């Protein structure tokens, strides 16, 4: 069973930056897609960024221009760099991985709070 562990969240002032990490317990190369979602209390979980095995990336409109998803196969980790943070980016950010059989794996989430 693959485990995903997010880290890197915290309290950041508006305009600041963060890099979230998602470390997998095994090879991330086995996954078709790896994704970052976020969820604010009372709201639906939102897909913000994806990266395919082949390296293709996609972003939600709210993430374009400020979010960058990347990965490092050597350390089995996917990253989400967020720049120019806004209060509306406040949420719990979750890492998600989809296997070739369609099985989904989730991390426990990391809280990002943007506030002055």
PDB file of N, CA and C in Angstrom:
ATOM      1  N   UNK A   1       0.849  -1.190   0.000  1.00  0.00           N
ATOM      2  CA  UNK A   1       0.000   0.000   0.000  1.00  0.00           C
ATOM      3  C   UNK A   1       0.883   1.238   0.000  1.00  0.00           C
ATOM      4  N   UNK A   2       0.673   2.078  -0.989  1.00  0.00           N
ATOM      5  CA  UNK A   2       1.465   3.299  -1.103  1.00  0.00           C
ATOM      6  C   UNK A   2       0.985   4.316  -0.091  1.00  0.00           C
ATOM      7  N   UNK A   3       1.922   4.973   0.525  1.00  0.00           N
ATOM      8  CA  UNK A   3       1.586   6.076   1.429  1.00  0.00           C
ATOM      9  C   UNK A   3       2.120   7.376   0.854  1.00  0.00           C
ATOM     10  N   UNK A   4       1.303   8.416   0.969  1.00  0.00           N
ATOM     11  CA  UNK A   4       1.690   9.750   0.522  1.00  0.00           C
ATOM     12  C   UNK A   4       1.700  10.666   1.733  1.00  0.00           C
ATOM     13  N   UNK A   5       2.773  11.406   1.901  1.00  0.00           N
ATOM     14  CA  UNK A   5       2.906  12.289   3.055  1.00  0.00           C
ATOM     15  C   UNK A   5       3.213  13.698   2.570  1.00  0.00           C
ATOM     16  N   UNK A   6       2.290  14.614   2.844  1.00  0.00           N
ATOM     17  CA  UNK A   6       2.491  16.011   2.467  1.00  0.00           C
ATOM     18  C   UNK A   6       3.210  16.760   3.571  1.00  0.00           C
ATOM     19  N   UNK A   7       3.928  17.780   3.166  1.00  0.00           N
ATOM     20  CA  UNK A   7       4.586  18.677   4.119  1.00  0.00           C
ATOM     21  C   UNK A   7       4.798  20.026   3.443  1.00  0.00           C
ATOM     22  N   UNK A   8       5.176  21.011   4.251  1.00  0.00           N
ATOM     23  CA  UNK A   8       5.504  22.305   3.695  1.00  0.00           C
ATOM     24  C   UNK A   8       4.457  23.379   3.902  1.00  0.00           C
ATOM     25  N   UNK A   9       3.311  23.010   4.450  1.00  0.00           N
ATOM     26  CA  UNK A   9       2.284  24.008   4.696  1.00  0.00           C
ATOM     27  C   UNK A   9       2.643  24.890   5.875  1.00  0.00           C
ATOM     28  N   UNK A  10       1.833  25.905   6.088  1.00  0.00           N
ATOM     29  CA  UNK A  10       2.077  26.799   7.209  1.00  0.00           C
ATOM     30  C   UNK A  10       1.332  28.089   7.056  1.00  0.00           C
ATOM     31  N   UNK A  11       1.701  29.052   7.901  1.00  0.00           N
ATOM     32  CA  UNK A  11       1.103  30.386   7.877  1.00  0.00           C
ATOM     33  C   UNK A  11       2.018  31.300   7.066  1.00  0.00           C
ATOM     34  N   UNK A  12       1.455  31.920   6.053  1.00  0.00           N
ATOM     35  CA  UNK A  12       2.232  32.778   5.158  1.00  0.00           C
ATOM     36  C   UNK A  12       1.485  34.097   4.960  1.00  0.00           C
ATOM     37  N   UNK A  13       2.233  35.163   4.836  1.00  0.00           N
ATOM     38  CA  UNK A  13       1.603  36.447   4.556  1.00  0.00           C
ATOM     39  C   UNK A  13       1.199  36.535   3.086  1.00  0.00           C
ATOM     40  N   UNK A  14       0.178  37.302   2.785  1.00  0.00           N
ATOM     41  CA  UNK A  14      -0.188  37.509   1.380  1.00  0.00           C
ATOM     42  C   UNK A  14       1.015  37.996   0.580  1.00  0.00           C
ATOM     43  N   UNK A  15       1.149  37.435  -0.616  1.00  0.00           N
ATOM     44  CA  UNK A  15       2.294  37.770  -1.469  1.00  0.00           C
ATOM     45  C   UNK A  15       3.478  36.853  -1.290  1.00  0.00           C
ATOM     46  N   UNK A  16       3.440  36.034  -0.254  1.00  0.00           N
ATOM     47  CA  UNK A  16       4.549  35.123   0.009  1.00  0.00           C
ATOM     48  C   UNK A  16       4.501  33.880  -0.859  1.00  0.00           C
ATOM     49  N   UNK A  17       5.442  32.986  -0.612  1.00  0.00           N
ATOM     50  CA  UNK A  17       5.558  31.746  -1.388  1.00  0.00           C
ATOM     51  C   UNK A  17       5.687  30.548  -0.462  1.00  0.00           C
ATOM     52  N   UNK A  18       5.304  29.411  -0.997  1.00  0.00           N
ATOM     53  CA  UNK A  18       5.462  28.147  -0.283  1.00  0.00           C
ATOM     54  C   UNK A  18       5.795  27.071  -1.303  1.00  0.00           C
ATOM     55  N   UNK A  19       6.500  26.039  -0.838  1.00  0.00           N
ATOM     56  CA  UNK A  19       6.651  24.841  -1.647  1.00  0.00           C
ATOM     57  C   UNK A  19       6.156  23.658  -0.838  1.00  0.00           C
ATOM     58  N   UNK A  20       5.105  23.048  -1.333  1.00  0.00           N
ATOM     59  CA  UNK A  20       4.565  21.851  -0.698  1.00  0.00           C
ATOM     60  C   UNK A  20       5.242  20.625  -1.296  1.00  0.00           C
ATOM     61  N   UNK A  21       5.442  19.628  -0.459  1.00  0.00           N
ATOM     62  CA  UNK A  21       6.038  18.376  -0.908  1.00  0.00           C
ATOM     63  C   UNK A  21       5.101  17.217  -0.632  1.00  0.00           C
ATOM     64  N   UNK A  22       5.142  16.238  -1.488  1.00  0.00           N
ATOM     65  CA  UNK A  22       4.376  15.007  -1.313  1.00  0.00           C
ATOM     66  C   UNK A  22       5.346  13.854  -1.526  1.00  0.00           C
ATOM     67  N   UNK A  23       5.725  13.225  -0.435  1.00  0.00           N
ATOM     68  CA  UNK A  23       6.677  12.122  -0.496  1.00  0.00           C
ATOM     69  C   UNK A  23       5.926  10.794  -0.520  1.00  0.00           C
ATOM     70  N   UNK A  24       6.250   9.968  -1.507  1.00  0.00           N
ATOM     71  CA  UNK A  24       5.616   8.656  -1.632  1.00  0.00           C
ATOM     72  C   UNK A  24       6.502   7.582  -1.014  1.00  0.00           C
ATOM     73  N   UNK A  25       5.863   6.543  -0.494  1.00  0.00           N
ATOM     74  CA  UNK A  25       6.606   5.469   0.148  1.00  0.00           C
ATOM     75  C   UNK A  25       7.253   4.533  -0.870  1.00  0.00           C
ATOM     76  N   UNK A  26       6.850   4.673  -2.135  1.00  0.00           N
ATOM     77  CA  UNK A  26       7.437   3.875  -3.188  1.00  0.00           C
ATOM     78  C   UNK A  26       7.644   4.713  -4.432  1.00  0.00           C
ATOM     79  N   UNK A  27       7.947   4.063  -5.523  1.00  0.00           N
ATOM     80  CA  UNK A  27       8.218   4.782  -6.760  1.00  0.00           C
ATOM     81  C   UNK A  27       6.991   5.520  -7.268  1.00  0.00           C
ATOM     82  N   UNK A  28       7.168   6.782  -7.634  1.00  0.00           N
ATOM     83  CA  UNK A  28       6.052   7.534  -8.194  1.00  0.00           C
ATOM     84  C   UNK A  28       5.923   7.298  -9.693  1.00  0.00           C
ATOM     85  N   UNK A  29       6.885   6.609 -10.266  1.00  0.00           N
ATOM     86  CA  UNK A  29       6.832   6.350 -11.694  1.00  0.00           C
ATOM     87  C   UNK A  29       5.671   5.427 -12.056  1.00  0.00           C
ATOM     88  N   UNK A  30       5.179   4.675 -11.074  1.00  0.00           N
ATOM     89  CA  UNK A  30       4.091   3.725 -11.349  1.00  0.00           C
ATOM     90  C   UNK A  30       2.750   4.405 -11.532  1.00  0.00           C
ATOM     91  N   UNK A  31       2.672   5.666 -11.155  1.00  0.00           N
ATOM     92  CA  UNK A  31       1.393   6.353 -11.206  1.00  0.00           C
ATOM     93  C   UNK A  31       1.170   7.023 -12.556  1.00  0.00           C
ATOM     94  N   UNK A  32      -0.053   6.921 -13.053  1.00  0.00           N
ATOM     95  CA  UNK A  32      -0.405   7.604 -14.293  1.00  0.00           C
ATOM     96  C   UNK A  32      -0.404   9.110 -14.112  1.00  0.00           C
ATOM     97  N   UNK A  33      -0.956   9.520 -12.978  1.00  0.00           N
ATOM     98  CA  UNK A  33      -1.062  10.948 -12.697  1.00  0.00           C
ATOM     99  C   UNK A  33      -0.820  11.193 -11.210  1.00  0.00           C
ATOM    100  N   UNK A  34      -0.242  12.330 -10.936  1.00  0.00           N
ATOM    101  CA  UNK A  34      -0.156  12.794  -9.550  1.00  0.00           C
ATOM    102  C   UNK A  34      -0.726  14.196  -9.511  1.00  0.00           C
ATOM    103  N   UNK A  35      -1.515  14.441  -8.480  1.00  0.00           N
ATOM    104  CA  UNK A  35      -2.314  15.649  -8.436  1.00  0.00           C
ATOM    105  C   UNK A  35      -2.222  16.332  -7.077  1.00  0.00           C
ATOM    106  N   UNK A  36      -2.468  17.613  -7.108  1.00  0.00           N
ATOM    107  CA  UNK A  36      -2.666  18.376  -5.877  1.00  0.00           C
ATOM    108  C   UNK A  36      -4.095  18.910  -5.875  1.00  0.00           C
ATOM    109  N   UNK A  37      -4.797  18.650  -4.774  1.00  0.00           N
ATOM    110  CA  UNK A  37      -6.126  19.181  -4.535  1.00  0.00           C
ATOM    111  C   UNK A  37      -6.045  20.127  -3.330  1.00  0.00           C
ATOM    112  N   UNK A  38      -7.063  20.938  -3.187  1.00  0.00           N
ATOM    113  CA  UNK A  38      -7.200  21.724  -1.968  1.00  0.00           C
ATOM    114  C   UNK A  38      -8.667  21.773  -1.568  1.00  0.00           C
ATOM    115  N   UNK A  39      -8.866  21.951  -0.274  1.00  0.00           N
ATOM    116  CA  UNK A  39     -10.224  22.008   0.250  1.00  0.00           C
ATOM    117  C   UNK A  39     -10.302  22.962   1.419  1.00  0.00           C
ATOM    118  N   UNK A  40     -11.222  23.887   1.293  1.00  0.00           N
ATOM    119  CA  UNK A  40     -11.527  24.815   2.354  1.00  0.00           C
ATOM    120  C   UNK A  40     -12.747  24.255   3.074  1.00  0.00           C
ATOM    121  N   UNK A  41     -12.848  24.427   4.382  1.00  0.00           N
ATOM    122  CA  UNK A  41     -14.028  23.919   5.087  1.00  0.00           C
ATOM    123  C   UNK A  41     -15.316  24.429   4.465  1.00  0.00           C
ATOM    124  N   UNK A  42     -16.245  23.536   4.252  1.00  0.00           N
ATOM    125  CA  UNK A  42     -17.533  23.918   3.693  1.00  0.00           C
ATOM    126  C   UNK A  42     -17.550  23.998   2.180  1.00  0.00           C
ATOM    127  N   UNK A  43     -16.384  23.741   1.564  1.00  0.00           N
ATOM    128  CA  UNK A  43     -16.311  23.800   0.106  1.00  0.00           C
ATOM    129  C   UNK A  43     -15.908  22.443  -0.455  1.00  0.00           C
ATOM    130  N   UNK A  44     -16.160  22.282  -1.736  1.00  0.00           N
ATOM    131  CA  UNK A  44     -15.794  21.048  -2.417  1.00  0.00           C
ATOM    132  C   UNK A  44     -14.291  20.992  -2.632  1.00  0.00           C
ATOM    133  N   UNK A  45     -13.746  19.778  -2.602  1.00  0.00           N
ATOM    134  CA  UNK A  45     -12.319  19.619  -2.886  1.00  0.00           C
ATOM    135  C   UNK A  45     -12.059  19.993  -4.340  1.00  0.00           C
ATOM    136  N   UNK A  46     -11.031  20.794  -4.552  1.00  0.00           N
ATOM    137  CA  UNK A  46     -10.738  21.350  -5.876  1.00  0.00           C
ATOM    138  C   UNK A  46      -9.398  20.828  -6.389  1.00  0.00           C
ATOM    139  N   UNK A  47      -9.385  20.352  -7.622  1.00  0.00           N
ATOM    140  CA  UNK A  47      -8.143  19.945  -8.261  1.00  0.00           C
ATOM    141  C   UNK A  47      -7.413  21.195  -8.726  1.00  0.00           C
ATOM    142  N   UNK A  48      -6.182  21.395  -8.267  1.00  0.00           N
ATOM    143  CA  UNK A  48      -5.467  22.613  -8.650  1.00  0.00           C
ATOM    144  C   UNK A  48      -4.323  22.354  -9.626  1.00  0.00           C
ATOM    145  N   UNK A  49      -3.711  21.177  -9.567  1.00  0.00           N
ATOM    146  CA  UNK A  49      -2.587  20.922 -10.470  1.00  0.00           C
ATOM    147  C   UNK A  49      -2.396  19.420 -10.653  1.00  0.00           C
ATOM    148  N   UNK A  50      -1.981  19.046 -11.866  1.00  0.00           N
ATOM    149  CA  UNK A  50      -1.743  17.639 -12.189  1.00  0.00           C
ATOM    150  C   UNK A  50      -0.468  17.510 -12.987  1.00  0.00           C
ATOM    151  N   UNK A  51       0.172  16.353 -12.819  1.00  0.00           N
ATOM    152  CA  UNK A  51       1.318  16.021 -13.664  1.00  0.00           C
ATOM    153  C   UNK A  51       1.206  14.554 -14.042  1.00  0.00           C
ATOM    154  N   UNK A  52       1.318  14.289 -15.331  1.00  0.00           N
ATOM    155  CA  UNK A  52       1.201  12.916 -15.803  1.00  0.00           C
ATOM    156  C   UNK A  52       2.547  12.211 -15.735  1.00  0.00           C
ATOM    157  N   UNK A  53       2.532  10.898 -15.941  1.00  0.00           N
ATOM    158  CA  UNK A  53       3.786  10.152 -15.951  1.00  0.00           C
ATOM    159  C   UNK A  53       4.737  10.719 -17.013  1.00  0.00           C
ATOM    160  N   UNK A  54       4.153  11.151 -18.115  1.00  0.00           N
ATOM    161  CA  UNK A  54       4.970  11.698 -19.190  1.00  0.00           C
ATOM    162  C   UNK A  54       5.425  13.123 -18.965  1.00  0.00           C
ATOM    163  N   UNK A  55       4.946  13.728 -17.892  1.00  0.00           N
ATOM    164  CA  UNK A  55       5.404  15.072 -17.565  1.00  0.00           C
ATOM    165  C   UNK A  55       4.475  16.190 -17.994  1.00  0.00           C
ATOM    166  N   UNK A  56       3.331  15.838 -18.578  1.00  0.00           N
ATOM    167  CA  UNK A  56       2.381  16.884 -18.944  1.00  0.00           C
ATOM    168  C   UNK A  56       1.729  17.455 -17.699  1.00  0.00           C
ATOM    169  N   UNK A  57       1.584  18.756 -17.676  1.00  0.00           N
ATOM    170  CA  UNK A  57       1.000  19.414 -16.506  1.00  0.00           C
ATOM    171  C   UNK A  57      -0.280  20.137 -16.883  1.00  0.00           C
ATOM    172  N   UNK A  58      -1.179  20.206 -15.918  1.00  0.00           N
ATOM    173  CA  UNK A  58      -2.420  20.952 -16.082  1.00  0.00           C
ATOM    174  C   UNK A  58      -2.730  21.681 -14.790  1.00  0.00           C
ATOM    175  N   UNK A  59      -3.348  22.835 -14.930  1.00  0.00           N
ATOM    176  CA  UNK A  59      -3.661  23.665 -13.771  1.00  0.00           C
ATOM    177  C   UNK A  59      -5.091  24.164 -13.831  1.00  0.00           C
ATOM    178  N   UNK A  60      -5.685  24.305 -12.659  1.00  0.00           N
ATOM    179  CA  UNK A  60      -6.965  24.981 -12.576  1.00  0.00           C
ATOM    180  C   UNK A  60      -6.758  26.447 -12.943  1.00  0.00           C
ATOM    181  N   UNK A  61      -7.825  27.075 -13.414  1.00  0.00           N
ATOM    182  CA  UNK A  61      -7.708  28.487 -13.778  1.00  0.00           C
ATOM    183  C   UNK A  61      -7.209  29.325 -12.598  1.00  0.00           C
ATOM    184  N   UNK A  62      -7.631  28.953 -11.412  1.00  0.00           N
ATOM    185  CA  UNK A  62      -7.236  29.704 -10.213  1.00  0.00           C
ATOM    186  C   UNK A  62      -5.751  29.544  -9.889  1.00  0.00           C
ATOM    187  N   UNK A  63      -5.124  28.520 -10.503  1.00  0.00           N
ATOM    188  CA  UNK A  63      -3.726  28.223 -10.194  1.00  0.00           C
ATOM    189  C   UNK A  63      -2.757  28.667 -11.296  1.00  0.00           C
ATOM    190  N   UNK A  64      -3.282  28.939 -12.460  1.00  0.00           N
ATOM    191  CA  UNK A  64      -2.409  29.263 -13.591  1.00  0.00           C
ATOM    192  C   UNK A  64      -1.613  30.534 -13.318  1.00  0.00           C
ATOM    193  N   UNK A  65      -0.327  30.454 -13.594  1.00  0.00           N
ATOM    194  CA  UNK A  65       0.550  31.603 -13.423  1.00  0.00           C
ATOM    195  C   UNK A  65       1.176  31.728 -12.050  1.00  0.00           C
ATOM    196  N   UNK A  66       0.624  31.039 -11.046  1.00  0.00           N
ATOM    197  CA  UNK A  66       1.176  31.142  -9.689  1.00  0.00           C
ATOM    198  C   UNK A  66       1.598  29.797  -9.111  1.00  0.00           C
ATOM    199  N   UNK A  67       1.006  28.718  -9.623  1.00  0.00           N
ATOM    200  CA  UNK A  67       1.299  27.381  -9.107  1.00  0.00           C
ATOM    201  C   UNK A  67       2.161  26.633 -10.117  1.00  0.00           C
ATOM    202  N   UNK A  68       3.112  25.885  -9.605  1.00  0.00           N
ATOM    203  CA  UNK A  68       3.921  25.028 -10.463  1.00  0.00           C
ATOM    204  C   UNK A  68       4.043  23.655  -9.819  1.00  0.00           C
ATOM    205  N   UNK A  69       3.626  22.633 -10.559  1.00  0.00           N
ATOM    206  CA  UNK A  69       3.770  21.259 -10.087  1.00  0.00           C
ATOM    207  C   UNK A  69       5.011  20.662 -10.728  1.00  0.00           C
ATOM    208  N   UNK A  70       5.764  19.921  -9.940  1.00  0.00           N
ATOM    209  CA  UNK A  70       6.970  19.278 -10.456  1.00  0.00           C
ATOM    210  C   UNK A  70       7.200  17.986  -9.678  1.00  0.00           C
ATOM    211  N   UNK A  71       8.190  17.240 -10.077  1.00  0.00           N
ATOM    212  CA  UNK A  71       8.451  15.973  -9.396  1.00  0.00           C
ATOM    213  C   UNK A  71       9.934  15.629  -9.474  1.00  0.00           C
ATOM    214  N   UNK A  72      10.342  14.772  -8.591  1.00  0.00           N
ATOM    215  CA  UNK A  72      11.706  14.264  -8.573  1.00  0.00           C
ATOM    216  C   UNK A  72      11.620  12.761  -8.381  1.00  0.00           C
ATOM    217  N   UNK A  73      11.859  12.007  -9.441  1.00  0.00           N
ATOM    218  CA  UNK A  73      11.759  10.550  -9.358  1.00  0.00           C
ATOM    219  C   UNK A  73      12.795   9.972  -8.401  1.00  0.00           C
ATOM    220  N   UNK A  74      13.935  10.628  -8.300  1.00  0.00           N
ATOM    221  CA  UNK A  74      15.008  10.092  -7.461  1.00  0.00           C
ATOM    222  C   UNK A  74      14.615  10.006  -5.995  1.00  0.00           C
ATOM    223  N   UNK A  75      13.744  10.927  -5.572  1.00  0.00           N
ATOM    224  CA  UNK A  75      13.315  10.927  -4.165  1.00  0.00           C
ATOM    225  C   UNK A  75      11.820  10.676  -4.038  1.00  0.00           C
ATOM    226  N   UNK A  76      11.208  10.244  -5.142  1.00  0.00           N
ATOM    227  CA  UNK A  76       9.779   9.877  -5.122  1.00  0.00           C
ATOM    228  C   UNK A  76       8.915  10.970  -4.508  1.00  0.00           C
ATOM    229  N   UNK A  77       9.106  12.169  -4.969  1.00  0.00           N
ATOM    230  CA  UNK A  77       8.413  13.311  -4.380  1.00  0.00           C
ATOM    231  C   UNK A  77       7.840  14.207  -5.476  1.00  0.00           C
ATOM    232  N   UNK A  78       6.642  14.669  -5.233  1.00  0.00           N
ATOM    233  CA  UNK A  78       5.989  15.659  -6.094  1.00  0.00           C
ATOM    234  C   UNK A  78       5.873  16.953  -5.308  1.00  0.00           C
ATOM    235  N   UNK A  79       6.066  18.051  -5.992  1.00  0.00           N
ATOM    236  CA  UNK A  79       6.071  19.360  -5.349  1.00  0.00           C
ATOM    237  C   UNK A  79       4.974  20.253  -5.919  1.00  0.00           C
ATOM    238  N   UNK A  80       4.562  21.204  -5.114  1.00  0.00           N
ATOM    239  CA  UNK A  80       3.688  22.271  -5.584  1.00  0.00           C
ATOM    240  C   UNK A  80       4.255  23.580  -5.083  1.00  0.00           C
ATOM    241  N   UNK A  81       4.805  24.348  -6.000  1.00  0.00           N
ATOM    242  CA  UNK A  81       5.322  25.668  -5.673  1.00  0.00           C
ATOM    243  C   UNK A  81       4.194  26.663  -5.867  1.00  0.00           C
ATOM    244  N   UNK A  82       3.955  27.483  -4.858  1.00  0.00           N
ATOM    245  CA  UNK A  82       2.898  28.487  -4.937  1.00  0.00           C
ATOM    246  C   UNK A  82       3.524  29.851  -4.678  1.00  0.00           C
ATOM    247  N   UNK A  83       3.326  30.759  -5.624  1.00  0.00           N
ATOM    248  CA  UNK A  83       3.861  32.107  -5.487  1.00  0.00           C
ATOM    249  C   UNK A  83       2.725  33.105  -5.336  1.00  0.00           C
ATOM    250  N   UNK A  84       3.083  34.276  -4.860  1.00  0.00           N
ATOM    251  CA  UNK A  84       2.104  35.377  -4.721  1.00  0.00           C
ATOM    252  C   UNK A  84       0.821  34.878  -4.067  1.00  0.00           C
ATOM    253  N   UNK A  85       0.987  34.274  -2.901  1.00  0.00           N
ATOM    254  CA  UNK A  85      -0.147  33.676  -2.196  1.00  0.00           C
ATOM    255  C   UNK A  85      -1.188  34.714  -1.854  1.00  0.00           C
ATOM    256  N   UNK A  86      -2.446  34.278  -1.933  1.00  0.00           N
ATOM    257  CA  UNK A  86      -3.593  35.126  -1.639  1.00  0.00           C
ATOM    258  C   UNK A  86      -4.384  34.508  -0.486  1.00  0.00           C
ATOM    259  N   UNK A  87      -5.134  35.310   0.248  1.00  0.00           N
ATOM    260  CA  UNK A  87      -5.955  34.738   1.324  1.00  0.00           C
ATOM    261  C   UNK A  87      -6.879  33.621   0.836  1.00  0.00           C
ATOM    262  N   UNK A  88      -7.336  33.740  -0.402  1.00  0.00           N
ATOM    263  CA  UNK A  88      -8.241  32.698  -0.919  1.00  0.00           C
ATOM    264  C   UNK A  88      -7.530  31.389  -1.243  1.00  0.00           C
ATOM    265  N   UNK A  89      -6.203  31.373  -1.147  1.00  0.00           N
ATOM    266  CA  UNK A  89      -5.470  30.116  -1.283  1.00  0.00           C
ATOM    267  C   UNK A  89      -5.482  29.304   0.015  1.00  0.00           C
ATOM    268  N   UNK A  90      -5.991  29.895   1.073  1.00  0.00           N
ATOM    269  CA  UNK A  90      -6.066  29.180   2.343  1.00  0.00           C
ATOM    270  C   UNK A  90      -6.925  27.933   2.204  1.00  0.00           C
ATOM    271  N   UNK A  91      -6.356  26.805   2.569  1.00  0.00           N
ATOM    272  CA  UNK A  91      -7.040  25.518   2.428  1.00  0.00           C
ATOM    273  C   UNK A  91      -6.129  24.416   2.959  1.00  0.00           C
ATOM    274  N   UNK A  92      -6.688  23.235   3.062  1.00  0.00           N
ATOM    275  CA  UNK A  92      -5.861  22.041   3.259  1.00  0.00           C
ATOM    276  C   UNK A  92      -5.520  21.510   1.875  1.00  0.00           C
ATOM    277  N   UNK A  93      -4.242  21.303   1.648  1.00  0.00           N
ATOM    278  CA  UNK A  93      -3.775  20.824   0.352  1.00  0.00           C
ATOM    279  C   UNK A  93      -3.463  19.330   0.458  1.00  0.00           C
ATOM    280  N   UNK A  94      -4.021  18.586  -0.494  1.00  0.00           N
ATOM    281  CA  UNK A  94      -3.892  17.133  -0.493  1.00  0.00           C
ATOM    282  C   UNK A  94      -3.155  16.662  -1.742  1.00  0.00           C
ATOM    283  N   UNK A  95      -2.318  15.684  -1.545  1.00  0.00           N
ATOM    284  CA  UNK A  95      -1.653  15.000  -2.646  1.00  0.00           C
ATOM    285  C   UNK A  95      -2.480  13.772  -3.016  1.00  0.00           C
ATOM    286  N   UNK A  96      -2.550  13.518  -4.307  1.00  0.00           N
ATOM    287  CA  UNK A  96      -3.333  12.393  -4.819  1.00  0.00           C
ATOM    288  C   UNK A  96      -2.546  11.701  -5.923  1.00  0.00           C
ATOM    289  N   UNK A  97      -2.624  10.392  -5.956  1.00  0.00           N
ATOM    290  CA  UNK A  97      -1.944   9.639  -7.007  1.00  0.00           C
ATOM    291  C   UNK A  97      -2.909   8.614  -7.589  1.00  0.00           C
ATOM    292  N   UNK A  98      -2.875   8.465  -8.897  1.00  0.00           N
ATOM    293  CA  UNK A  98      -3.751   7.529  -9.598  1.00  0.00           C
ATOM    294  C   UNK A  98      -2.895   6.457 -10.266  1.00  0.00           C
ATOM    295  N   UNK A  99      -3.167   5.209  -9.909  1.00  0.00           N
ATOM    296  CA  UNK A  99      -2.390   4.116 -10.479  1.00  0.00           C
ATOM    297  C   UNK A  99      -2.894   3.759 -11.873  1.00  0.00           C
ATOM    298  N   UNK A 100      -2.187   2.877 -12.542  1.00  0.00           N
ATOM    299  CA  UNK A 100      -2.577   2.449 -13.884  1.00  0.00           C
ATOM    300  C   UNK A 100      -3.893   1.674 -13.877  1.00  0.00           C
ATOM    301  N   UNK A 101      -4.283   1.169 -12.712  1.00  0.00           N
ATOM    302  CA  UNK A 101      -5.555   0.442 -12.607  1.00  0.00           C
ATOM    303  C   UNK A 101      -6.685   1.361 -12.142  1.00  0.00           C
ATOM    304  N   UNK A 102      -6.376   2.625 -11.960  1.00  0.00           N
ATOM    305  CA  UNK A 102      -7.389   3.583 -11.537  1.00  0.00           C
ATOM    306  C   UNK A 102      -7.533   3.729 -10.037  1.00  0.00           C
ATOM    307  N   UNK A 103      -6.704   3.038  -9.294  1.00  0.00           N
ATOM    308  CA  UNK A 103      -6.776   3.166  -7.836  1.00  0.00           C
ATOM    309  C   UNK A 103      -6.227   4.515  -7.406  1.00  0.00           C
ATOM    310  N   UNK A 104      -6.910   5.124  -6.470  1.00  0.00           N
ATOM    311  CA  UNK A 104      -6.516   6.450  -5.994  1.00  0.00           C
ATOM    312  C   UNK A 104      -5.927   6.355  -4.594  1.00  0.00           C
ATOM    313  N   UNK A 105      -4.865   7.088  -4.405  1.00  0.00           N
ATOM    314  CA  UNK A 105      -4.214   7.181  -3.100  1.00  0.00           C
ATOM    315  C   UNK A 105      -4.203   8.639  -2.672  1.00  0.00           C
ATOM    316  N   UNK A 106      -4.381   8.862  -1.358  1.00  0.00           N
ATOM    317  CA  UNK A 106      -4.434  10.221  -0.829  1.00  0.00           C
ATOM    318  C   UNK A 106      -3.484  10.365   0.348  1.00  0.00           C
ATOM    319  N   UNK A 107      -2.946  11.560   0.463  1.00  0.00           N
ATOM    320  CA  UNK A 107      -2.205  11.900   1.655  1.00  0.00           C
ATOM    321  C   UNK A 107      -3.139  12.458   2.708  1.00  0.00           C
ATOM    322  N   UNK A 108      -2.564  12.829   3.855  1.00  0.00           N
ATOM    323  CA  UNK A 108      -3.378  13.302   4.962  1.00  0.00           C
ATOM    324  C   UNK A 108      -3.649  14.801   4.874  1.00  0.00           C
ATOM    325  N   UNK A 109      -2.936  15.478   4.007  1.00  0.00           N
ATOM    326  CA  UNK A 109      -3.148  16.910   3.813  1.00  0.00           C
ATOM    327  C   UNK A 109      -2.194  17.769   4.618  1.00  0.00           C
ATOM    328  N   UNK A 110      -1.971  18.967   4.120  1.00  0.00           N
ATOM    329  CA  UNK A 110      -1.164  19.953   4.833  1.00  0.00           C
ATOM    330  C   UNK A 110      -1.878  21.300   4.763  1.00  0.00           C
ATOM    331  N   UNK A 111      -1.962  21.974   5.895  1.00  0.00           N
ATOM    332  CA  UNK A 111      -2.721  23.225   5.977  1.00  0.00           C
ATOM    333  C   UNK A 111      -1.883  24.391   5.463  1.00  0.00           C
ATOM    334  N   UNK A 112      -2.473  25.168   4.598  1.00  0.00           N
ATOM    335  CA  UNK A 112      -1.878  26.422   4.148  1.00  0.00           C
ATOM    336  C   UNK A 112      -2.815  27.545   4.576  1.00  0.00           C
ATOM    337  N   UNK A 113      -2.285  28.489   5.318  1.00  0.00           N
ATOM    338  CA  UNK A 113      -3.064  29.638   5.766  1.00  0.00           C
ATOM    339  C   UNK A 113      -2.363  30.908   5.311  1.00  0.00           C
ATOM    340  N   UNK A 114      -3.095  31.712   4.565  1.00  0.00           N
ATOM    341  CA  UNK A 114      -2.540  32.962   4.053  1.00  0.00           C
ATOM    342  C   UNK A 114      -3.236  34.106   4.767  1.00  0.00           C
ATOM    343  N   UNK A 115      -2.479  34.789   5.599  1.00  0.00           N
ATOM    344  CA  UNK A 115      -3.069  35.843   6.418  1.00  0.00           C
ATOM    345  C   UNK A 115      -1.977  36.780   6.889  1.00  0.00           C
ATOM    346  N   UNK A 116      -2.363  38.042   7.039  1.00  0.00           N
ATOM    347  CA  UNK A 116      -1.414  39.017   7.583  1.00  0.00           C
ATOM    348  C   UNK A 116      -1.616  39.163   9.086  1.00  0.00           C
TER     349      UNK A 116
END
